[in-house]
Amino acid sequence: VLGLAHVFLWRVFAWTRETKRLSPLTARVFAVHTFFVAFVLVLLGA
């Protein structure tokens, strides 16, 4: 549930707005790392 909730956490914490202030590379690294944290949570949870 926590892994899947990262979709909603992205909106709750306004990460799209926050990442606009970052360089494009840093914003993408943040997004990819967020995805992989969520993915690991889903895998370990499953």
All heavy atoms as atom14 arrays in JSON, in Angstrom:
{
  "sequence": "VLGLAHVFLWRVFAWTRETKRLSPLTARVFAVHTFFVAFVLVLLGA",
  "atom14_mask": [
    [1, 1, 1, 1, 1, 1, 1, 0, 0, 0, 0, 0, 0, 0],
    [1, 1, 1, 1, 1, 1, 1, 1, 0, 0, 0, 0, 0, 0],
    [1, 1, 1, 1, 0, 0, 0, 0, 0, 0, 0, 0, 0, 0],
    [1, 1, 1, 1, 1, 1, 1, 1, 0, 0, 0, 0, 0, 0],
    [1, 1, 1, 1, 1, 0, 0, 0, 0, 0, 0, 0, 0, 0],
    [1, 1, 1, 1, 1, 1, 1, 1, 1, 1, 0, 0, 0, 0],
    [1, 1, 1, 1, 1, 1, 1, 0, 0, 0, 0, 0, 0, 0],
    [1, 1, 1, 1, 1, 1, 1, 1, 1, 1, 1, 0, 0, 0],
    [1, 1, 1, 1, 1, 1, 1, 1, 0, 0, 0, 0, 0, 0],
    [1, 1, 1, 1, 1, 1, 1, 1, 1, 1, 1, 1, 1, 1],
    [1, 1, 1, 1, 1, 1, 1, 1, 1, 1, 1, 0, 0, 0],
    [1, 1, 1, 1, 1, 1, 1, 0, 0, 0, 0, 0, 0, 0],
    [1, 1, 1, 1, 1, 1, 1, 1, 1, 1, 1, 0, 0, 0],
    [1, 1, 1, 1, 1, 0, 0, 0, 0, 0, 0, 0, 0, 0],
    [1, 1, 1, 1, 1, 1, 1, 1, 1, 1, 1, 1, 1, 1],
    [1, 1, 1, 1, 1, 1, 1, 0, 0, 0, 0, 0, 0, 0],
    [1, 1, 1, 1, 1, 1, 1, 1, 1, 1, 1, 0, 0, 0],
    [1, 1, 1, 1, 1, 1, 1, 1, 1, 0, 0, 0, 0, 0],
    [1, 1, 1, 1, 1, 1, 1, 0, 0, 0, 0, 0, 0, 0],
    [1, 1, 1, 1, 1, 1, 1, 1, 1, 0, 0, 0, 0, 0],
    [1, 1, 1, 1, 1, 1, 1, 1, 1, 1, 1, 0, 0, 0],
    [1, 1, 1, 1, 1, 1, 1, 1, 0, 0, 0, 0, 0, 0],
    [1, 1, 1, 1, 1, 1, 0, 0, 0, 0, 0, 0, 0, 0],
    [1, 1, 1, 1, 1, 1, 1, 0, 0, 0, 0, 0, 0, 0],
    [1, 1, 1, 1, 1, 1, 1, 1, 0, 0, 0, 0, 0, 0],
    [1, 1, 1, 1, 1, 1, 1, 0, 0, 0, 0, 0, 0, 0],
    [1, 1, 1, 1, 1, 0, 0, 0, 0, 0, 0, 0, 0, 0],
    [1, 1, 1, 1, 1, 1, 1, 1, 1, 1, 1, 0, 0, 0],
    [1, 1, 1, 1, 1, 1, 1, 0, 0, 0, 0, 0, 0, 0],
    [1, 1, 1, 1, 1, 1, 1, 1, 1, 1, 1, 0, 0, 0],
    [1, 1, 1, 1, 1, 0, 0, 0, 0, 0, 0, 0, 0, 0],
    [1, 1, 1, 1, 1, 1, 1, 0, 0, 0, 0, 0, 0, 0],
    [1, 1, 1, 1, 1, 1, 1, 1, 1, 1, 0, 0, 0, 0],
    [1, 1, 1, 1, 1, 1, 1, 0, 0, 0, 0, 0, 0, 0],
    [1, 1, 1, 1, 1, 1, 1, 1, 1, 1, 1, 0, 0, 0],
    [1, 1, 1, 1, 1, 1, 1, 1, 1, 1, 1, 0, 0, 0],
    [1, 1, 1, 1, 1, 1, 1, 0, 0, 0, 0, 0, 0, 0],
    [1, 1, 1, 1, 1, 0, 0, 0, 0, 0, 0, 0, 0, 0],
    [1, 1, 1, 1, 1, 1, 1, 1, 1, 1, 1, 0, 0, 0],
    [1, 1, 1, 1, 1, 1, 1, 0, 0, 0, 0, 0, 0, 0],
    [1, 1, 1, 1, 1, 1, 1, 1, 0, 0, 0, 0, 0, 0],
    [1, 1, 1, 1, 1, 1, 1, 0, 0, 0, 0, 0, 0, 0],
    [1, 1, 1, 1, 1, 1, 1, 1, 0, 0, 0, 0, 0, 0],
    [1, 1, 1, 1, 1, 1, 1, 1, 0, 0, 0, 0, 0, 0],
    [1, 1, 1, 1, 0, 0, 0, 0, 0, 0, 0, 0, 0, 0],
    [1, 1, 1, 1, 1, 0, 0, 0, 0, 0, 0, 0, 0, 0]
  ],
  "atom14_positions": [
    [[0.84, -1.21, 0.0], [0.0, 0.0, 0.0], [0.87, 1.25, 0.0], [0.62, 2.2, -0.76], [-0.98, -0.01, 1.2], [-1.67, 1.34, 1.36], [-2.0, -1.13, 1.03], [0.0, 0.0, 0.0], [0.0, 0.0, 0.0], [0.0, 0.0, 0.0], [0.0, 0.0, 0.0], [0.0, 0.0, 0.0], [0.0, 0.0, 0.0], [0.0, 0.0, 0.0]],
    [[1.9, 1.27, 0.84], [2.8, 2.44, 0.89], [3.5, 2.64, -0.45], [3.62, 3.77, -0.93], [3.82, 2.28, 2.01], [4.82, 3.42, 2.18], [4.12, 4.74, 2.44], [5.81, 3.08, 3.3], [0.0, 0.0, 0.0], [0.0, 0.0, 0.0], [0.0, 0.0, 0.0], [0.0, 0.0, 0.0], [0.0, 0.0, 0.0], [0.0, 0.0, 0.0]],
    [[3.96, 1.57, -1.06], [4.6, 1.69, -2.37], [3.66, 2.27, -3.41], [4.01, 3.2, -4.14], [0.0, 0.0, 0.0], [0.0, 0.0, 0.0], [0.0, 0.0, 0.0], [0.0, 0.0, 0.0], [0.0, 0.0, 0.0], [0.0, 0.0, 0.0], [0.0, 0.0, 0.0], [0.0, 0.0, 0.0], [0.0, 0.0, 0.0], [0.0, 0.0, 0.0]],
    [[2.44, 1.76, -3.46], [1.45, 2.26, -4.41], [1.01, 3.68, -4.07], [0.68, 4.47, -4.96], [0.25, 1.32, -4.48], [0.54, -0.09, -4.99], [-0.7, -0.98, -4.88], [1.07, -0.07, -6.42], [0.0, 0.0, 0.0], [0.0, 0.0, 0.0], [0.0, 0.0, 0.0], [0.0, 0.0, 0.0], [0.0, 0.0, 0.0], [0.0, 0.0, 0.0]],
    [[1.04, 4.02, -2.79], [0.62, 5.36, -2.36], [1.57, 6.45, -2.84], [1.23, 7.63, -2.8], [0.51, 5.4, -0.84], [0.0, 0.0, 0.0], [0.0, 0.0, 0.0], [0.0, 0.0, 0.0], [0.0, 0.0, 0.0], [0.0, 0.0, 0.0], [0.0, 0.0, 0.0], [0.0, 0.0, 0.0], [0.0, 0.0, 0.0], [0.0, 0.0, 0.0]],
    [[2.75, 6.07, -3.3], [3.69, 7.08, -3.79], [3.11, 7.88, -4.96], [3.49, 9.02, -5.17], [5.03, 6.45, -4.16], [5.94, 6.32, -2.99], [5.7, 5.46, -1.95], [7.09, 6.98, -2.68], [6.67, 5.58, -1.07], [7.52, 6.5, -1.49], [0.0, 0.0, 0.0], [0.0, 0.0, 0.0], [0.0, 0.0, 0.0], [0.0, 0.0, 0.0]],
    [[2.17, 7.29, -5.69], [1.49, 8.04, -6.75], [0.75, 9.22, -6.13], [0.82, 10.35, -6.63], [0.5, 7.13, -7.51], [-0.36, 7.93, -8.47], [1.24, 6.02, -8.24], [0.0, 0.0, 0.0], [0.0, 0.0, 0.0], [0.0, 0.0, 0.0], [0.0, 0.0, 0.0], [0.0, 0.0, 0.0], [0.0, 0.0, 0.0], [0.0, 0.0, 0.0]],
    [[0.09, 8.99, -5.01], [-0.66, 10.05, -4.33], [0.27, 10.98, -3.54], [0.02, 12.17, -3.45], [-1.73, 9.45, -3.42], [-2.69, 8.58, -4.17], [-2.59, 7.2, -4.1], [-3.67, 9.13, -4.99], [-3.46, 6.38, -4.81], [-4.54, 8.33, -5.7], [-4.43, 6.96, -5.62], [0.0, 0.0, 0.0], [0.0, 0.0, 0.0], [0.0, 0.0, 0.0]],
    [[1.34, 10.4, -2.99], [2.31, 11.23, -2.25], [2.93, 12.27, -3.17], [3.23, 13.38, -2.75], [3.39, 10.37, -1.62], [2.95, 9.47, -0.47], [4.1, 8.58, -0.01], [2.39, 10.28, 0.67], [0.0, 0.0, 0.0], [0.0, 0.0, 0.0], [0.0, 0.0, 0.0], [0.0, 0.0, 0.0], [0.0, 0.0, 0.0], [0.0, 0.0, 0.0]],
    [[3.12, 11.9, -4.43], [3.67, 12.84, -5.4], [2.8, 14.1, -5.46], [3.3, 15.22, -5.5], [3.76, 12.17, -6.78], [4.57, 12.97, -7.75], [4.12, 13.97, -8.56], [5.97, 12.87, -7.99], [5.14, 14.49, -9.3], [6.3, 13.84, -8.98], [6.98, 12.07, -7.49], [7.59, 14.0, -9.46], [8.26, 12.23, -7.97], [8.56, 13.2, -8.94]],
    [[1.47, 13.89, -5.44], [0.55, 15.02, -5.49], [0.43, 15.73, -4.14], [0.42, 16.95, -4.07], [-0.84, 14.56, -5.93], [-0.89, 14.21, -7.38], [-2.28, 13.85, -7.8], [-2.28, 13.54, -9.22], [-3.35, 13.29, -9.9], [-4.53, 13.32, -9.31], [-3.28, 13.02, -11.17], [0.0, 0.0, 0.0], [0.0, 0.0, 0.0], [0.0, 0.0, 0.0]],
    [[0.32, 14.96, -3.07], [0.16, 15.54, -1.73], [1.32, 16.46, -1.39], [1.13, 17.55, -0.83], [0.02, 14.42, -0.66], [0.13, 14.98, 0.74], [-1.29, 13.67, -0.84], [0.0, 0.0, 0.0], [0.0, 0.0, 0.0], [0.0, 0.0, 0.0], [0.0, 0.0, 0.0], [0.0, 0.0, 0.0], [0.0, 0.0, 0.0], [0.0, 0.0, 0.0]],
    [[2.53, 16.03, -1.71], [3.71, 16.83, -1.4], [4.1, 17.77, -2.55], [5.14, 18.43, -2.48], [4.88, 15.93, -1.01], [4.67, 15.24, 0.3], [4.55, 13.86, 0.36], [4.58, 15.96, 1.48], [4.34, 13.22, 1.56], [4.37, 15.32, 2.69], [4.26, 13.95, 2.73], [0.0, 0.0, 0.0], [0.0, 0.0, 0.0], [0.0, 0.0, 0.0]],
    [[3.26, 17.83, -3.58], [3.46, 18.75, -4.71], [4.86, 18.62, -5.3], [5.52, 19.61, -5.59], [3.17, 20.19, -4.29], [0.0, 0.0, 0.0], [0.0, 0.0, 0.0], [0.0, 0.0, 0.0], [0.0, 0.0, 0.0], [0.0, 0.0, 0.0], [0.0, 0.0, 0.0], [0.0, 0.0, 0.0], [0.0, 0.0, 0.0], [0.0, 0.0, 0.0]],
    [[5.29, 17.38, -5.51], [6.64, 17.16, -6.01], [6.82, 17.63, -7.45], [7.92, 17.98, -7.85], [7.03, 15.69, -5.86], [7.32, 15.33, -4.42], [7.68, 16.17, -3.41], [7.29, 14.02, -3.86], [7.87, 15.47, -2.25], [7.64, 14.14, -2.49], [7.01, 12.77, -4.36], [7.72, 13.05, -1.64], [7.08, 11.68, -3.5], [7.43, 11.82, -2.16]],
    [[5.75, 17.69, -8.23], [5.88, 18.22, -9.59], [6.29, 19.69, -9.52], [7.21, 20.11, -10.22], [4.56, 18.06, -10.37], [4.26, 16.66, -10.46], [4.67, 18.65, -11.77], [0.0, 0.0, 0.0], [0.0, 0.0, 0.0], [0.0, 0.0, 0.0], [0.0, 0.0, 0.0], [0.0, 0.0, 0.0], [0.0, 0.0, 0.0], [0.0, 0.0, 0.0]],
    [[5.62, 20.45, -8.68], [5.98, 21.86, -8.5], [7.39, 22.0, -7.92], [8.18, 22.84, -8.36], [4.97, 22.54, -7.57], [5.2, 24.04, -7.43], [4.29, 24.69, -6.41], [4.7, 24.26, -5.09], [3.87, 23.85, -4.12], [2.58, 23.83, -4.33], [4.33, 23.49, -2.95], [0.0, 0.0, 0.0], [0.0, 0.0, 0.0], [0.0, 0.0, 0.0]],
    [[7.71, 21.17, -6.95], [9.03, 21.24, -6.31], [10.15, 20.91, -7.29], [11.2, 21.54, -7.27], [9.09, 20.27, -5.12], [8.19, 20.62, -3.98], [8.68, 21.83, -3.2], [9.91, 22.04, -3.12], [7.83, 22.58, -2.69], [0.0, 0.0, 0.0], [0.0, 0.0, 0.0], [0.0, 0.0, 0.0], [0.0, 0.0, 0.0], [0.0, 0.0, 0.0]],
    [[9.93, 19.92, -8.14], [11.0, 19.52, -9.06], [11.22, 20.53, -10.18], [12.28, 20.52, -10.8], [10.73, 18.12, -9.67], [9.45, 18.12, -10.31], [10.78, 17.04, -8.6], [0.0, 0.0, 0.0], [0.0, 0.0, 0.0], [0.0, 0.0, 0.0], [0.0, 0.0, 0.0], [0.0, 0.0, 0.0], [0.0, 0.0, 0.0], [0.0, 0.0, 0.0]],
    [[10.26, 21.41, -10.42], [10.46, 22.44, -11.44], [11.58, 23.41, -11.06], [12.18, 24.04, -11.91], [9.16, 23.22, -11.68], [8.12, 22.41, -12.43], [6.89, 23.24, -12.7], [5.74, 22.44, -13.19], [5.85, 21.83, -14.47], [0.0, 0.0, 0.0], [0.0, 0.0, 0.0], [0.0, 0.0, 0.0], [0.0, 0.0, 0.0], [0.0, 0.0, 0.0]],
    [[11.86, 23.5, -9.75], [12.93, 24.38, -9.28], [14.31, 23.72, -9.39], [15.32, 24.36, -9.15], [12.68, 24.79, -7.83], [11.39, 25.61, -7.7], [11.21, 26.15, -6.32], [11.03, 25.06, -5.36], [10.78, 25.25, -4.07], [10.72, 26.47, -3.58], [10.61, 24.23, -3.27], [0.0, 0.0, 0.0], [0.0, 0.0, 0.0], [0.0, 0.0, 0.0]],
    [[14.34, 22.45, -9.74], [15.59, 21.71, -9.86], [16.08, 21.72, -11.3], [15.31, 21.98, -12.22], [15.38, 20.26, -9.41], [14.87, 20.03, -7.99], [14.55, 18.56, -7.78], [15.88, 20.52, -6.97], [0.0, 0.0, 0.0], [0.0, 0.0, 0.0], [0.0, 0.0, 0.0], [0.0, 0.0, 0.0], [0.0, 0.0, 0.0], [0.0, 0.0, 0.0]],
    [[17.34, 21.38, -11.46], [17.84, 21.2, -12.83], [17.11, 20.0, -13.43], [16.65, 19.11, -12.7], [19.35, 20.97, -12.82], [19.63, 19.67, -12.32], [0.0, 0.0, 0.0], [0.0, 0.0, 0.0], [0.0, 0.0, 0.0], [0.0, 0.0, 0.0], [0.0, 0.0, 0.0], [0.0, 0.0, 0.0], [0.0, 0.0, 0.0], [0.0, 0.0, 0.0]],
    [[17.0, 19.94, -14.75], [16.29, 18.8, -15.36], [16.88, 17.45, -14.96], [16.12, 16.51, -14.7], [16.46, 19.05, -16.87], [16.6, 20.54, -16.97], [17.37, 20.95, -15.76], [0.0, 0.0, 0.0], [0.0, 0.0, 0.0], [0.0, 0.0, 0.0], [0.0, 0.0, 0.0], [0.0, 0.0, 0.0], [0.0, 0.0, 0.0], [0.0, 0.0, 0.0]],
    [[18.2, 17.35, -14.88], [18.81, 16.07, -14.49], [18.45, 15.71, -13.06], [18.03, 14.58, -12.78], [20.33, 16.11, -14.67], [21.06, 14.84, -14.21], [20.59, 13.63, -14.99], [22.56, 15.02, -14.32], [0.0, 0.0, 0.0], [0.0, 0.0, 0.0], [0.0, 0.0, 0.0], [0.0, 0.0, 0.0], [0.0, 0.0, 0.0], [0.0, 0.0, 0.0]],
    [[18.57, 16.65, -12.14], [18.26, 16.38, -10.74], [16.79, 16.03, -10.57], [16.44, 15.13, -9.8], [18.65, 17.59, -9.87], [20.04, 17.86, -10.06], [18.38, 17.34, -8.4], [0.0, 0.0, 0.0], [0.0, 0.0, 0.0], [0.0, 0.0, 0.0], [0.0, 0.0, 0.0], [0.0, 0.0, 0.0], [0.0, 0.0, 0.0], [0.0, 0.0, 0.0]],
    [[15.92, 16.72, -11.29], [14.49, 16.41, -11.23], [14.22, 14.98, -11.7], [13.42, 14.26, -11.09], [13.7, 17.41, -12.07], [0.0, 0.0, 0.0], [0.0, 0.0, 0.0], [0.0, 0.0, 0.0], [0.0, 0.0, 0.0], [0.0, 0.0, 0.0], [0.0, 0.0, 0.0], [0.0, 0.0, 0.0], [0.0, 0.0, 0.0], [0.0, 0.0, 0.0]],
    [[14.89, 14.57, -12.76], [14.69, 13.21, -13.26], [15.26, 12.17, -12.32], [14.66, 11.1, -12.12], [15.3, 13.07, -14.65], [14.49, 13.81, -15.69], [15.07, 13.73, -17.05], [14.24, 14.53, -17.95], [14.56, 14.77, -19.19], [15.68, 14.31, -19.7], [13.76, 15.51, -19.94], [0.0, 0.0, 0.0], [0.0, 0.0, 0.0], [0.0, 0.0, 0.0]],
    [[16.41, 12.46, -11.73], [16.99, 11.54, -10.75], [16.03, 11.37, -9.58], [15.78, 10.25, -9.12], [18.38, 12.03, -10.27], [18.85, 11.26, -9.04], [19.4, 11.91, -11.39], [0.0, 0.0, 0.0], [0.0, 0.0, 0.0], [0.0, 0.0, 0.0], [0.0, 0.0, 0.0], [0.0, 0.0, 0.0], [0.0, 0.0, 0.0], [0.0, 0.0, 0.0]],
    [[15.46, 12.48, -9.09], [14.5, 12.42, -8.0], [13.29, 11.56, -8.39], [12.86, 10.7, -7.62], [14.04, 13.84, -7.61], [12.99, 13.85, -6.54], [13.34, 13.67, -5.21], [11.66, 14.02, -6.87], [12.36, 13.67, -4.22], [10.69, 14.02, -5.88], [11.03, 13.84, -4.56], [0.0, 0.0, 0.0], [0.0, 0.0, 0.0], [0.0, 0.0, 0.0]],
    [[12.75, 11.78, -9.57], [11.58, 11.02, -10.02], [11.9, 9.53, -10.15], [11.12, 8.68, -9.71], [11.06, 11.59, -11.34], [0.0, 0.0, 0.0], [0.0, 0.0, 0.0], [0.0, 0.0, 0.0], [0.0, 0.0, 0.0], [0.0, 0.0, 0.0], [0.0, 0.0, 0.0], [0.0, 0.0, 0.0], [0.0, 0.0, 0.0], [0.0, 0.0, 0.0]],
    [[13.04, 9.22, -10.74], [13.42, 7.81, -10.92], [13.67, 7.15, -9.56], [13.23, 6.02, -9.33], [14.66, 7.7, -11.85], [15.24, 6.3, -11.82], [14.26, 8.09, -13.27], [0.0, 0.0, 0.0], [0.0, 0.0, 0.0], [0.0, 0.0, 0.0], [0.0, 0.0, 0.0], [0.0, 0.0, 0.0], [0.0, 0.0, 0.0], [0.0, 0.0, 0.0]],
    [[14.34, 7.84, -8.67], [14.59, 7.26, -7.34], [13.29, 7.07, -6.57], [13.13, 6.07, -5.87], [15.57, 8.12, -6.54], [16.98, 7.91, -6.97], [17.95, 8.84, -6.78], [17.59, 6.88, -7.61], [19.1, 8.39, -7.26], [18.89, 7.2, -7.78], [0.0, 0.0, 0.0], [0.0, 0.0, 0.0], [0.0, 0.0, 0.0], [0.0, 0.0, 0.0]],
    [[12.36, 7.99, -6.72], [11.06, 7.84, -6.07], [10.35, 6.6, -6.62], [9.78, 5.81, -5.86], [10.19, 9.1, -6.28], [10.87, 10.21, -5.7], [8.82, 8.94, -5.64], [0.0, 0.0, 0.0], [0.0, 0.0, 0.0], [0.0, 0.0, 0.0], [0.0, 0.0, 0.0], [0.0, 0.0, 0.0], [0.0, 0.0, 0.0], [0.0, 0.0, 0.0]],
    [[10.4, 6.43, -7.93], [9.79, 5.24, -8.54], [10.43, 3.97, -7.99], [9.72, 3.02, -7.63], [9.93, 5.27, -10.07], [9.57, 3.97, -10.71], [8.24, 3.62, -10.9], [10.55, 3.05, -11.07], [7.89, 2.4, -11.46], [10.22, 1.83, -11.63], [8.89, 1.5, -11.84], [0.0, 0.0, 0.0], [0.0, 0.0, 0.0], [0.0, 0.0, 0.0]],
    [[11.75, 3.93, -7.93], [12.42, 2.71, -7.48], [12.2, 2.44, -5.99], [12.1, 1.27, -5.59], [13.9, 2.71, -7.85], [14.1, 2.29, -9.27], [14.4, 3.22, -10.25], [13.95, 0.97, -9.66], [14.56, 2.84, -11.57], [14.1, 0.57, -10.98], [14.41, 1.51, -11.94], [0.0, 0.0, 0.0], [0.0, 0.0, 0.0], [0.0, 0.0, 0.0]],
    [[12.1, 3.46, -5.17], [11.75, 3.25, -3.76], [10.36, 2.62, -3.69], [10.14, 1.63, -2.98], [11.82, 4.56, -2.96], [11.14, 4.42, -1.62], [13.27, 5.01, -2.78], [0.0, 0.0, 0.0], [0.0, 0.0, 0.0], [0.0, 0.0, 0.0], [0.0, 0.0, 0.0], [0.0, 0.0, 0.0], [0.0, 0.0, 0.0], [0.0, 0.0, 0.0]],
    [[9.42, 3.18, -4.42], [8.06, 2.63, -4.43], [8.05, 1.2, -4.95], [7.37, 0.33, -4.39], [7.15, 3.52, -5.28], [0.0, 0.0, 0.0], [0.0, 0.0, 0.0], [0.0, 0.0, 0.0], [0.0, 0.0, 0.0], [0.0, 0.0, 0.0], [0.0, 0.0, 0.0], [0.0, 0.0, 0.0], [0.0, 0.0, 0.0], [0.0, 0.0, 0.0]],
    [[8.83, 0.94, -5.99], [8.9, -0.4, -6.58], [9.48, -1.41, -5.59], [8.94, -2.51, -5.43], [9.75, -0.34, -7.86], [9.78, -1.6, -8.65], [8.63, -2.11, -9.23], [10.97, -2.29, -8.85], [8.65, -3.29, -9.98], [11.01, -3.46, -9.59], [9.85, -3.96, -10.15], [0.0, 0.0, 0.0], [0.0, 0.0, 0.0], [0.0, 0.0, 0.0]],
    [[10.53, -1.03, -4.89], [11.13, -1.92, -3.87], [10.13, -2.18, -2.75], [10.01, -3.31, -2.27], [12.45, -1.33, -3.33], [12.91, -2.04, -2.06], [13.54, -1.42, -4.4], [0.0, 0.0, 0.0], [0.0, 0.0, 0.0], [0.0, 0.0, 0.0], [0.0, 0.0, 0.0], [0.0, 0.0, 0.0], [0.0, 0.0, 0.0], [0.0, 0.0, 0.0]],
    [[9.4, -1.15, -2.33], [8.38, -1.34, -1.29], [7.32, -2.35, -1.74], [6.92, -3.22, -0.97], [7.73, -0.01, -0.92], [8.58, 0.96, -0.13], [7.87, 2.3, 0.01], [8.94, 0.39, 1.23], [0.0, 0.0, 0.0], [0.0, 0.0, 0.0], [0.0, 0.0, 0.0], [0.0, 0.0, 0.0], [0.0, 0.0, 0.0], [0.0, 0.0, 0.0]],
    [[6.88, -2.23, -2.98], [5.87, -3.16, -3.5], [6.45, -4.58, -3.56], [5.8, -5.54, -3.14], [5.33, -2.71, -4.87], [4.49, -3.79, -5.52], [4.52, -1.42, -4.72], [0.0, 0.0, 0.0], [0.0, 0.0, 0.0], [0.0, 0.0, 0.0], [0.0, 0.0, 0.0], [0.0, 0.0, 0.0], [0.0, 0.0, 0.0], [0.0, 0.0, 0.0]],
    [[7.67, -4.71, -4.05], [8.28, -6.05, -4.15], [8.51, -6.68, -2.78], [8.16, -7.85, -2.57], [9.61, -5.98, -4.91], [9.53, -5.7, -6.41], [10.93, -5.64, -7.01], [8.7, -6.75, -7.11], [0.0, 0.0, 0.0], [0.0, 0.0, 0.0], [0.0, 0.0, 0.0], [0.0, 0.0, 0.0], [0.0, 0.0, 0.0], [0.0, 0.0, 0.0]],
    [[9.11, -5.94, -1.85], [9.33, -6.48, -0.51], [8.0, -6.77, 0.17], [7.86, -7.78, 0.87], [10.15, -5.51, 0.34], [11.63, -5.38, -0.01], [12.27, -4.28, 0.82], [12.35, -6.71, 0.2], [0.0, 0.0, 0.0], [0.0, 0.0, 0.0], [0.0, 0.0, 0.0], [0.0, 0.0, 0.0], [0.0, 0.0, 0.0], [0.0, 0.0, 0.0]],
    [[7.04, -5.89, -0.03], [5.73, -6.11, 0.55], [5.06, -7.35, -0.01], [4.49, -8.15, 0.74], [0.0, 0.0, 0.0], [0.0, 0.0, 0.0], [0.0, 0.0, 0.0], [0.0, 0.0, 0.0], [0.0, 0.0, 0.0], [0.0, 0.0, 0.0], [0.0, 0.0, 0.0], [0.0, 0.0, 0.0], [0.0, 0.0, 0.0], [0.0, 0.0, 0.0]],
    [[5.13, -7.52, -1.32], [4.52, -8.7, -1.94], [5.19, -9.98, -1.45], [4.52, -10.98, -1.2], [4.6, -8.59, -3.46], [0.0, 0.0, 0.0], [0.0, 0.0, 0.0], [0.0, 0.0, 0.0], [0.0, 0.0, 0.0], [0.0, 0.0, 0.0], [0.0, 0.0, 0.0], [0.0, 0.0, 0.0], [0.0, 0.0, 0.0], [0.0, 0.0, 0.0]]
  ]
}
